[in-house]
C-alpha cells in the first residue's frame, strides 16, 4: 500500500513539474514575458529621451531668439540683411582614392 502511495505521489510530482516548466503560464512563458518587458523598457527609455529633447527644443523656441534664428538659417536657408550666402557644390565625379 505504501508503495502505491509513493508511486502516486511521484507521478503527481512529475506531472506538476512538467506543467510548471512547459505548460501554459509556466516558466518558459514567464521568461518570454520578462524578455519582452525588458525590450519594452529599453524602447520606452529611447522614446523618453527623444521626448525630453523635443520638449527642450520647444522650450528654446518659446523663450529664445537664438534657437529661432538657428532654425531659420539651417532649415529655411534664411540670411540676415548684409550677409552673403555661399553654396558649395561638391563635384559629381569619384572621390579621391576611389576607382571608376
PDB file of N, CA and C in Angstrom:
ATOM      1  N   UNK A   1       0.815  -1.189   0.000  1.00  0.00           N
ATOM      2  CA  UNK A   1       0.000   0.000   0.000  1.00  0.00           C
ATOM      3  C   UNK A   1       0.866   1.263   0.000  1.00  0.00           C
ATOM      4  N   UNK A   2       1.916   1.235   0.801  1.00  0.00           N
ATOM      5  CA  UNK A   2       2.813   2.384   0.883  1.00  0.00           C
ATOM      6  C   UNK A   2       3.527   2.618  -0.446  1.00  0.00           C
ATOM      7  N   UNK A   3       3.849   1.532  -1.133  1.00  0.00           N
ATOM      8  CA  UNK A   3       4.499   1.645  -2.448  1.00  0.00           C
ATOM      9  C   UNK A   3       3.599   2.361  -3.452  1.00  0.00           C
ATOM     10  N   UNK A   4       2.337   2.023  -3.449  1.00  0.00           N
ATOM     11  CA  UNK A   4       1.399   2.647  -4.377  1.00  0.00           C
ATOM     12  C   UNK A   4       1.224   4.133  -4.079  1.00  0.00           C
ATOM     13  N   UNK A   5       1.198   4.470  -2.808  1.00  0.00           N
ATOM     14  CA  UNK A   5       1.067   5.878  -2.420  1.00  0.00           C
ATOM     15  C   UNK A   5       2.319   6.660  -2.851  1.00  0.00           C
ATOM     16  N   UNK A   6       3.496   6.085  -2.644  1.00  0.00           N
ATOM     17  CA  UNK A   6       4.741   6.742  -3.052  1.00  0.00           C
ATOM     18  C   UNK A   6       4.807   6.875  -4.561  1.00  0.00           C
ATOM     19  N   UNK A   7       4.388   5.841  -5.284  1.00  0.00           N
ATOM     20  CA  UNK A   7       4.371   5.888  -6.744  1.00  0.00           C
ATOM     21  C   UNK A   7       3.383   6.945  -7.237  1.00  0.00           C
ATOM     22  N   UNK A   8       2.229   7.010  -6.603  1.00  0.00           N
ATOM     23  CA  UNK A   8       1.226   8.009  -6.969  1.00  0.00           C
ATOM     24  C   UNK A   8       1.741   9.427  -6.712  1.00  0.00           C
ATOM     25  N   UNK A   9       2.391   9.620  -5.596  1.00  0.00           N
ATOM     26  CA  UNK A   9       2.977  10.936  -5.283  1.00  0.00           C
ATOM     27  C   UNK A   9       4.096  11.301  -6.257  1.00  0.00           C
ATOM     28  N   UNK A  10       4.907  10.336  -6.651  1.00  0.00           N
ATOM     29  CA  UNK A  10       5.981  10.577  -7.613  1.00  0.00           C
ATOM     30  C   UNK A  10       5.410  10.966  -8.976  1.00  0.00           C
ATOM     31  N   UNK A  11       4.354  10.263  -9.410  1.00  0.00           N
ATOM     32  CA  UNK A  11       3.721  10.590 -10.692  1.00  0.00           C
ATOM     33  C   UNK A  11       3.104  11.986 -10.631  1.00  0.00           C
ATOM     34  N   UNK A  12       2.476  12.317  -9.509  1.00  0.00           N
ATOM     35  CA  UNK A  12       1.894  13.657  -9.344  1.00  0.00           C
ATOM     36  C   UNK A  12       2.990  14.726  -9.371  1.00  0.00           C
ATOM     37  N   UNK A  13       4.104  14.452  -8.722  1.00  0.00           N
ATOM     38  CA  UNK A  13       5.222  15.390  -8.704  1.00  0.00           C
ATOM     39  C   UNK A  13       5.771  15.610 -10.107  1.00  0.00           C
ATOM     40  N   UNK A  14       5.945  14.541 -10.857  1.00  0.00           N
ATOM     41  CA  UNK A  14       6.460  14.646 -12.231  1.00  0.00           C
ATOM     42  C   UNK A  14       5.478  15.432 -13.100  1.00  0.00           C
ATOM     43  N   UNK A  15       4.184  15.145 -12.958  1.00  0.00           N
ATOM     44  CA  UNK A  15       3.176  15.867 -13.746  1.00  0.00           C
ATOM     45  C   UNK A  15       3.185  17.356 -13.412  1.00  0.00           C
ATOM     46  N   UNK A  16       3.309  17.694 -12.140  1.00  0.00           N
ATOM     47  CA  UNK A  16       3.357  19.111 -11.742  1.00  0.00           C
ATOM     48  C   UNK A  16       4.617  19.799 -12.254  1.00  0.00           C
ATOM     49  N   UNK A  17       5.728  19.087 -12.227  1.00  0.00           N
ATOM     50  CA  UNK A  17       6.973  19.666 -12.734  1.00  0.00           C
ATOM     51  C   UNK A  17       6.889  19.918 -14.239  1.00  0.00           C
ATOM     52  N   UNK A  18       6.318  18.972 -14.981  1.00  0.00           N
ATOM     53  CA  UNK A  18       6.159  19.146 -16.418  1.00  0.00           C
ATOM     54  C   UNK A  18       5.286  20.361 -16.697  1.00  0.00           C
ATOM     55  N   UNK A  19       4.174  20.481 -15.963  1.00  0.00           N
ATOM     56  CA  UNK A  19       3.284  21.631 -16.149  1.00  0.00           C
ATOM     57  C   UNK A  19       3.997  22.934 -15.777  1.00  0.00           C
ATOM     58  N   UNK A  20       4.783  22.906 -14.716  1.00  0.00           N
ATOM     59  CA  UNK A  20       5.499  24.117 -14.286  1.00  0.00           C
ATOM     60  C   UNK A  20       6.478  24.595 -15.344  1.00  0.00           C
ATOM     61  N   UNK A  21       7.224  23.683 -15.941  1.00  0.00           N
ATOM     62  CA  UNK A  21       8.280  24.077 -16.864  1.00  0.00           C
ATOM     63  C   UNK A  21       7.804  24.261 -18.296  1.00  0.00           C
ATOM     64  N   UNK A  22       6.810  23.514 -18.734  1.00  0.00           N
ATOM     65  CA  UNK A  22       6.420  23.570 -20.144  1.00  0.00           C
ATOM     66  C   UNK A  22       4.986  24.005 -20.372  1.00  0.00           C
ATOM     67  N   UNK A  23       4.131  24.003 -19.375  1.00  0.00           N
ATOM     68  CA  UNK A  23       2.718  24.302 -19.568  1.00  0.00           C
ATOM     69  C   UNK A  23       2.440  25.785 -19.758  1.00  0.00           C
ATOM     70  N   UNK A  24       1.175  26.083 -20.067  1.00  0.00           N
ATOM     71  CA  UNK A  24       0.760  27.472 -20.236  1.00  0.00           C
ATOM     72  C   UNK A  24       0.890  28.186 -18.891  1.00  0.00           C
ATOM     73  N   UNK A  25       1.517  29.360 -18.926  1.00  0.00           N
ATOM     74  CA  UNK A  25       1.766  30.098 -17.699  1.00  0.00           C
ATOM     75  C   UNK A  25       2.941  29.562 -16.910  1.00  0.00           C
ATOM     76  N   UNK A  26       3.714  28.682 -17.521  1.00  0.00           N
ATOM     77  CA  UNK A  26       4.859  28.088 -16.845  1.00  0.00           C
ATOM     78  C   UNK A  26       6.096  28.973 -16.939  1.00  0.00           C
ATOM     79  N   UNK A  27       7.208  28.387 -16.585  1.00  0.00           N
ATOM     80  CA  UNK A  27       8.463  29.145 -16.526  1.00  0.00           C
ATOM     81  C   UNK A  27       8.875  29.658 -17.897  1.00  0.00           C
ATOM     82  N   UNK A  28       8.647  28.880 -18.958  1.00  0.00           N
ATOM     83  CA  UNK A  28       9.017  29.329 -20.295  1.00  0.00           C
ATOM     84  C   UNK A  28       8.246  30.600 -20.658  1.00  0.00           C
ATOM     85  N   UNK A  29       6.955  30.627 -20.356  1.00  0.00           N
ATOM     86  CA  UNK A  29       6.151  31.813 -20.631  1.00  0.00           C
ATOM     87  C   UNK A  29       6.614  33.006 -19.798  1.00  0.00           C
ATOM     88  N   UNK A  30       6.981  32.750 -18.579  1.00  0.00           N
ATOM     89  CA  UNK A  30       7.465  33.829 -17.711  1.00  0.00           C
ATOM     90  C   UNK A  30       8.763  34.409 -18.254  1.00  0.00           C
ATOM     91  N   UNK A  31       9.669  33.565 -18.695  1.00  0.00           N
ATOM     92  CA  UNK A  31      10.935  34.055 -19.257  1.00  0.00           C
ATOM     93  C   UNK A  31      10.697  34.865 -20.530  1.00  0.00           C
ATOM     94  N   UNK A  32       9.754  34.398 -21.357  1.00  0.00           N
ATOM     95  CA  UNK A  32       9.424  35.132 -22.581  1.00  0.00           C
ATOM     96  C   UNK A  32       8.855  36.500 -22.246  1.00  0.00           C
ATOM     97  N   UNK A  33       7.962  36.548 -21.279  1.00  0.00           N
ATOM     98  CA  UNK A  33       7.370  37.825 -20.875  1.00  0.00           C
ATOM     99  C   UNK A  33       8.415  38.763 -20.269  1.00  0.00           C
ATOM    100  N   UNK A  34       9.324  38.215 -19.487  1.00  0.00           N
ATOM    101  CA  UNK A  34      10.382  39.053 -18.902  1.00  0.00           C
ATOM    102  C   UNK A  34      11.265  39.652 -19.996  1.00  0.00           C
ATOM    103  N   UNK A  35      11.559  38.872 -21.031  1.00  0.00           N
ATOM    104  CA  UNK A  35      12.362  39.397 -22.138  1.00  0.00           C
ATOM    105  C   UNK A  35      11.606  40.494 -22.876  1.00  0.00           C
ATOM    106  N   UNK A  36      10.315  40.300 -23.096  1.00  0.00           N
ATOM    107  CA  UNK A  36       9.512  41.324 -23.773  1.00  0.00           C
ATOM    108  C   UNK A  36       9.411  42.590 -22.933  1.00  0.00           C
ATOM    109  N   UNK A  37       9.309  42.429 -21.617  1.00  0.00           N
ATOM    110  CA  UNK A  37       9.260  43.585 -20.727  1.00  0.00           C
ATOM    111  C   UNK A  37      10.565  44.365 -20.804  1.00  0.00           C
ATOM    112  N   UNK A  38      11.687  43.663 -20.823  1.00  0.00           N
ATOM    113  CA  UNK A  38      12.993  44.340 -20.912  1.00  0.00           C
ATOM    114  C   UNK A  38      13.115  45.095 -22.230  1.00  0.00           C
ATOM    115  N   UNK A  39      12.667  44.486 -23.333  1.00  0.00           N
ATOM    116  CA  UNK A  39      12.703  45.171 -24.630  1.00  0.00           C
ATOM    117  C   UNK A  39      11.823  46.412 -24.611  1.00  0.00           C
ATOM    118  N   UNK A  40      10.635  46.303 -24.019  1.00  0.00           N
ATOM    119  CA  UNK A  40       9.721  47.438 -23.974  1.00  0.00           C
ATOM    120  C   UNK A  40      10.280  48.556 -23.105  1.00  0.00           C
ATOM    121  N   UNK A  41      10.926  48.196 -22.002  1.00  0.00           N
ATOM    122  CA  UNK A  41      11.532  49.223 -21.145  1.00  0.00           C
ATOM    123  C   UNK A  41      12.646  49.969 -21.890  1.00  0.00           C
ATOM    124  N   UNK A  42      13.447  49.231 -22.660  1.00  0.00           N
ATOM    125  CA  UNK A  42      14.508  49.879 -23.434  1.00  0.00           C
ATOM    126  C   UNK A  42      13.903  50.819 -24.475  1.00  0.00           C
ATOM    127  N   UNK A  43      12.861  50.375 -25.144  1.00  0.00           N
ATOM    128  CA  UNK A  43      12.178  51.228 -26.129  1.00  0.00           C
ATOM    129  C   UNK A  43      11.578  52.454 -25.458  1.00  0.00           C
ATOM    130  N   UNK A  44      10.994  52.272 -24.288  1.00  0.00           N
ATOM    131  CA  UNK A  44      10.423  53.398 -23.552  1.00  0.00           C
ATOM    132  C   UNK A  44      11.495  54.415 -23.166  1.00  0.00           C
ATOM    133  N   UNK A  45      12.668  53.930 -22.777  1.00  0.00           N
ATOM    134  CA  UNK A  45      13.758  54.841 -22.420  1.00  0.00           C
ATOM    135  C   UNK A  45      14.195  55.664 -23.623  1.00  0.00           C
ATOM    136  N   UNK A  46      14.301  55.016 -24.807  1.00  0.00           N
ATOM    137  CA  UNK A  46      14.679  55.759 -26.016  1.00  0.00           C
ATOM    138  C   UNK A  46      13.631  56.811 -26.337  1.00  0.00           C
ATOM    139  N   UNK A  47      12.362  56.437 -26.237  1.00  0.00           N
ATOM    140  CA  UNK A  47      11.295  57.388 -26.545  1.00  0.00           C
ATOM    141  C   UNK A  47      11.238  58.519 -25.520  1.00  0.00           C
ATOM    142  N   UNK A  48      11.527  58.215 -24.265  1.00  0.00           N
ATOM    143  CA  UNK A  48      11.543  59.260 -23.238  1.00  0.00           C
ATOM    144  C   UNK A  48      12.669  60.253 -23.505  1.00  0.00           C
ATOM    145  N   UNK A  49      13.830  59.745 -23.892  1.00  0.00           N
ATOM    146  CA  UNK A  49      14.950  60.638 -24.214  1.00  0.00           C
ATOM    147  C   UNK A  49      14.596  61.521 -25.408  1.00  0.00           C
ATOM    148  N   UNK A  50      13.947  60.939 -26.415  1.00  0.00           N
ATOM    149  CA  UNK A  50      13.519  61.714 -27.588  1.00  0.00           C
ATOM    150  C   UNK A  50      12.501  62.770 -27.188  1.00  0.00           C
ATOM    151  N   UNK A  51      11.543  62.408 -26.349  1.00  0.00           N
ATOM    152  CA  UNK A  51      10.541  63.366 -25.889  1.00  0.00           C
ATOM    153  C   UNK A  51      11.166  64.490 -25.067  1.00  0.00           C
ATOM    154  N   UNK A  52      12.147  64.148 -24.242  1.00  0.00           N
ATOM    155  CA  UNK A  52      12.829  65.172 -23.450  1.00  0.00           C
ATOM    156  C   UNK A  52      13.571  66.157 -24.353  1.00  0.00           C
ATOM    157  N   UNK A  53      14.212  65.633 -25.408  1.00  0.00           N
ATOM    158  CA  UNK A  53      14.924  66.504 -26.336  1.00  0.00           C
ATOM    159  C   UNK A  53      13.942  67.401 -27.084  1.00  0.00           C
ATOM    160  N   UNK A  54      12.816  66.860 -27.493  1.00  0.00           N
ATOM    161  CA  UNK A  54      11.811  67.669 -28.183  1.00  0.00           C
ATOM    162  C   UNK A  54      11.224  68.728 -27.249  1.00  0.00           C
ATOM    163  N   UNK A  55      11.000  68.369 -25.994  1.00  0.00           N
ATOM    164  CA  UNK A  55      10.486  69.343 -25.029  1.00  0.00           C
ATOM    165  C   UNK A  55      11.488  70.471 -24.814  1.00  0.00           C
ATOM    166  N   UNK A  56      12.780  70.135 -24.781  1.00  0.00           N
ATOM    167  CA  UNK A  56      13.805  71.170 -24.636  1.00  0.00           C
ATOM    168  C   UNK A  56      13.829  72.079 -25.865  1.00  0.00           C
ATOM    169  N   UNK A  57      13.666  71.495 -27.065  1.00  0.00           N
ATOM    170  CA  UNK A  57      13.603  72.303 -28.286  1.00  0.00           C
ATOM    171  C   UNK A  57      12.410  73.249 -28.258  1.00  0.00           C
ATOM    172  N   UNK A  58      11.276  72.755 -27.823  1.00  0.00           N
ATOM    173  CA  UNK A  58      10.075  73.597 -27.744  1.00  0.00           C
ATOM    174  C   UNK A  58      10.305  74.739 -26.770  1.00  0.00           C
ATOM    175  N   UNK A  59      10.896  74.421 -25.644  1.00  0.00           N
ATOM    176  CA  UNK A  59      11.167  75.462 -24.638  1.00  0.00           C
ATOM    177  C   UNK A  59      12.131  76.510 -25.184  1.00  0.00           C
ATOM    178  N   UNK A  60      13.177  76.069 -25.893  1.00  0.00           N
ATOM    179  CA  UNK A  60      14.119  77.014 -26.504  1.00  0.00           C
ATOM    180  C   UNK A  60      13.424  77.896 -27.530  1.00  0.00           C
ATOM    181  N   UNK A  61      12.572  77.300 -28.338  1.00  0.00           N
ATOM    182  CA  UNK A  61      11.885  78.078 -29.370  1.00  0.00           C
ATOM    183  C   UNK A  61      10.887  79.057 -28.760  1.00  0.00           C
ATOM    184  N   UNK A  62      10.311  78.722 -27.632  1.00  0.00           N
ATOM    185  CA  UNK A  62       9.362  79.629 -26.979  1.00  0.00           C
ATOM    186  C   UNK A  62      10.058  80.829 -26.350  1.00  0.00           C
ATOM    187  N   UNK A  63      11.236  80.613 -25.794  1.00  0.00           N
ATOM    188  CA  UNK A  63      11.850  81.652 -24.972  1.00  0.00           C
ATOM    189  C   UNK A  63      13.163  82.219 -25.507  1.00  0.00           C
ATOM    190  N   UNK A  64      13.679  81.688 -26.604  1.00  0.00           N
ATOM    191  CA  UNK A  64      14.969  82.181 -27.065  1.00  0.00           C
ATOM    192  C   UNK A  64      14.945  82.530 -28.536  1.00  0.00           C
ATOM    193  N   UNK A  65      15.474  83.714 -28.855  1.00  0.00           N
ATOM    194  CA  UNK A  65      15.551  84.131 -30.257  1.00  0.00           C
ATOM    195  C   UNK A  65      16.673  83.404 -30.995  1.00  0.00           C
ATOM    196  N   UNK A  66      17.706  83.006 -30.286  1.00  0.00           N
ATOM    197  CA  UNK A  66      18.840  82.331 -30.919  1.00  0.00           C
ATOM    198  C   UNK A  66      18.398  80.998 -31.543  1.00  0.00           C
ATOM    199  N   UNK A  67      17.528  80.278 -30.840  1.00  0.00           N
ATOM    200  CA  UNK A  67      17.067  78.996 -31.362  1.00  0.00           C
ATOM    201  C   UNK A  67      16.203  79.206 -32.604  1.00  0.00           C
ATOM    202  N   UNK A  68      15.371  80.235 -32.588  1.00  0.00           N
ATOM    203  CA  UNK A  68      14.526  80.526 -33.753  1.00  0.00           C
ATOM    204  C   UNK A  68      15.401  80.914 -34.934  1.00  0.00           C
ATOM    205  N   UNK A  69      16.417  81.743 -34.686  1.00  0.00           N
ATOM    206  CA  UNK A  69      17.317  82.165 -35.764  1.00  0.00           C
ATOM    207  C   UNK A  69      18.084  80.968 -36.328  1.00  0.00           C
ATOM    208  N   UNK A  70      18.558  80.100 -35.454  1.00  0.00           N
ATOM    209  CA  UNK A  70      19.296  78.917 -35.910  1.00  0.00           C
ATOM    210  C   UNK A  70      18.415  78.031 -36.788  1.00  0.00           C
ATOM    211  N   UNK A  71      17.170  77.822 -36.386  1.00  0.00           N
ATOM    212  CA  UNK A  71      16.251  77.016 -37.191  1.00  0.00           C
ATOM    213  C   UNK A  71      15.975  77.675 -38.543  1.00  0.00           C
ATOM    214  N   UNK A  72      15.788  79.000 -38.545  1.00  0.00           N
ATOM    215  CA  UNK A  72      15.511  79.701 -39.795  1.00  0.00           C
ATOM    216  C   UNK A  72      16.697  79.589 -40.751  1.00  0.00           C
ATOM    217  N   UNK A  73      17.897  79.657 -40.225  1.00  0.00           N
ATOM    218  CA  UNK A  73      19.089  79.560 -41.073  1.00  0.00           C
ATOM    219  C   UNK A  73      19.288  78.142 -41.602  1.00  0.00           C
ATOM    220  N   UNK A  74      19.184  77.152 -40.726  1.00  0.00           N
ATOM    221  CA  UNK A  74      19.506  75.786 -41.153  1.00  0.00           C
ATOM    222  C   UNK A  74      18.380  75.131 -41.957  1.00  0.00           C
ATOM    223  N   UNK A  75      17.134  75.332 -41.541  1.00  0.00           N
ATOM    224  CA  UNK A  75      16.041  74.622 -42.202  1.00  0.00           C
ATOM    225  C   UNK A  75      15.428  75.404 -43.355  1.00  0.00           C
ATOM    226  N   UNK A  76      15.410  76.723 -43.244  1.00  0.00           N
ATOM    227  CA  UNK A  76      14.775  77.527 -44.286  1.00  0.00           C
ATOM    228  C   UNK A  76      15.767  78.234 -45.196  1.00  0.00           C
ATOM    229  N   UNK A  77      17.057  78.235 -44.824  1.00  0.00           N
ATOM    230  CA  UNK A  77      18.079  78.864 -45.646  1.00  0.00           C
ATOM    231  C   UNK A  77      18.014  80.391 -45.624  1.00  0.00           C
ATOM    232  N   UNK A  78      17.476  80.969 -44.571  1.00  0.00           N
ATOM    233  CA  UNK A  78      17.364  82.425 -44.482  1.00  0.00           C
ATOM    234  C   UNK A  78      18.699  83.048 -44.080  1.00  0.00           C
ATOM    235  N   UNK A  79      18.932  84.278 -44.532  1.00  0.00           N
ATOM    236  CA  UNK A  79      20.138  85.022 -44.161  1.00  0.00           C
ATOM    237  C   UNK A  79      19.714  86.403 -43.708  1.00  0.00           C
ATOM    238  N   UNK A  80      20.591  87.058 -42.955  1.00  0.00           N
ATOM    239  CA  UNK A  80      20.325  88.409 -42.473  1.00  0.00           C
ATOM    240  C   UNK A  80      20.664  89.412 -43.566  1.00  0.00           C
ATOM    241  N   UNK A  81      20.058  90.580 -43.492  1.00  0.00           N
ATOM    242  CA  UNK A  81      20.432  91.632 -44.455  1.00  0.00           C
ATOM    243  C   UNK A  81      21.929  91.952 -44.328  1.00  0.00           C
ATOM    244  N   UNK A  82      22.575  92.105 -45.458  1.00  0.00           N
ATOM    245  CA  UNK A  82      24.006  92.421 -45.472  1.00  0.00           C
ATOM    246  C   UNK A  82      24.901  91.187 -45.471  1.00  0.00           C
ATOM    247  N   UNK A  83      24.369  90.003 -45.268  1.00  0.00           N
ATOM    248  CA  UNK A  83      25.172  88.787 -45.309  1.00  0.00           C
ATOM    249  C   UNK A  83      25.219  88.260 -46.740  1.00  0.00           C
ATOM    250  N   UNK A  84      26.272  87.523 -47.032  1.00  0.00           N
ATOM    251  CA  UNK A  84      26.408  86.905 -48.347  1.00  0.00           C
ATOM    252  C   UNK A  84      26.325  85.396 -48.173  1.00  0.00           C
ATOM    253  N   UNK A  85      25.513  84.768 -48.985  1.00  0.00           N
ATOM    254  CA  UNK A  85      25.311  83.331 -48.915  1.00  0.00           C
ATOM    255  C   UNK A  85      26.201  82.646 -49.942  1.00  0.00           C
ATOM    256  N   UNK A  86      26.961  81.671 -49.509  1.00  0.00           N
ATOM    257  CA  UNK A  86      27.798  80.873 -50.403  1.00  0.00           C
ATOM    258  C   UNK A  86      27.305  79.440 -50.356  1.00  0.00           C
ATOM    259  N   UNK A  87      27.058  78.881 -51.521  1.00  0.00           N
ATOM    260  CA  UNK A  87      26.633  77.487 -51.624  1.00  0.00           C
ATOM    261  C   UNK A  87      27.770  76.701 -52.270  1.00  0.00           C
ATOM    262  N   UNK A  88      28.343  75.764 -51.541  1.00  0.00           N
ATOM    263  CA  UNK A  88      29.464  74.979 -52.025  1.00  0.00           C
ATOM    264  C   UNK A  88      28.912  73.687 -52.631  1.00  0.00           C
ATOM    265  N   UNK A  89      29.265  73.432 -53.887  1.00  0.00           N
ATOM    266  CA  UNK A  89      28.792  72.249 -54.586  1.00  0.00           C
ATOM    267  C   UNK A  89      29.979  71.314 -54.782  1.00  0.00           C
ATOM    268  N   UNK A  90      29.808  70.069 -54.341  1.00  0.00           N
ATOM    269  CA  UNK A  90      30.863  69.070 -54.495  1.00  0.00           C
ATOM    270  C   UNK A  90      30.829  68.540 -55.920  1.00  0.00           C
ATOM    271  N   UNK A  91      31.979  68.205 -56.509  1.00  0.00           N
ATOM    272  CA  UNK A  91      31.978  67.623 -57.843  1.00  0.00           C
ATOM    273  C   UNK A  91      31.277  66.265 -57.847  1.00  0.00           C
ATOM    274  N   UNK A  92      30.648  65.947 -58.955  1.00  0.00           N
ATOM    275  CA  UNK A  92      29.875  64.711 -59.048  1.00  0.00           C
ATOM    276  C   UNK A  92      30.732  63.494 -59.339  1.00  0.00           C
ATOM    277  N   UNK A  93      32.000  63.678 -59.675  1.00  0.00           N
ATOM    278  CA  UNK A  93      32.891  62.563 -60.007  1.00  0.00           C
ATOM    279  C   UNK A  93      33.242  61.727 -58.796  1.00  0.00           C
ATOM    280  N   UNK A  94      34.103  60.707 -59.004  1.00  0.00           N
ATOM    281  CA  UNK A  94      34.503  59.852 -57.890  1.00  0.00           C
ATOM    282  C   UNK A  94      35.351  60.624 -56.894  1.00  0.00           C
ATOM    283  N   UNK A  95      35.269  60.206 -55.663  1.00  0.00           N
ATOM    284  CA  UNK A  95      36.038  60.828 -54.591  1.00  0.00           C
ATOM    285  C   UNK A  95      37.499  60.395 -54.722  1.00  0.00           C
ATOM    286  N   UNK A  96      38.426  61.190 -54.185  1.00  0.00           N
ATOM    287  CA  UNK A  96      39.845  60.817 -54.265  1.00  0.00           C
ATOM    288  C   UNK A  96      40.075  59.442 -53.634  1.00  0.00           C
ATOM    289  N   UNK A  97      40.833  58.636 -54.312  1.00  0.00           N
ATOM    290  CA  UNK A  97      41.151  57.300 -53.809  1.00  0.00           C
ATOM    291  C   UNK A  97      40.188  56.220 -54.277  1.00  0.00           C
ATOM    292  N   UNK A  98      39.085  56.619 -54.926  1.00  0.00           N
ATOM    293  CA  UNK A  98      38.127  55.645 -55.446  1.00  0.00           C
ATOM    294  C   UNK A  98      38.407  55.363 -56.909  1.00  0.00           C
ATOM    295  N   UNK A  99      38.090  54.171 -57.340  1.00  0.00           N
ATOM    296  CA  UNK A  99      38.243  53.809 -58.744  1.00  0.00           C
ATOM    297  C   UNK A  99      36.910  53.966 -59.440  1.00  0.00           C
ATOM    298  N   UNK A 100      36.986  54.170 -60.730  1.00  0.00           N
ATOM    299  CA  UNK A 100      35.738  54.274 -61.507  1.00  0.00           C
ATOM    300  C   UNK A 100      35.155  52.932 -61.755  1.00  0.00           C
TER     301      UNK A 100
END
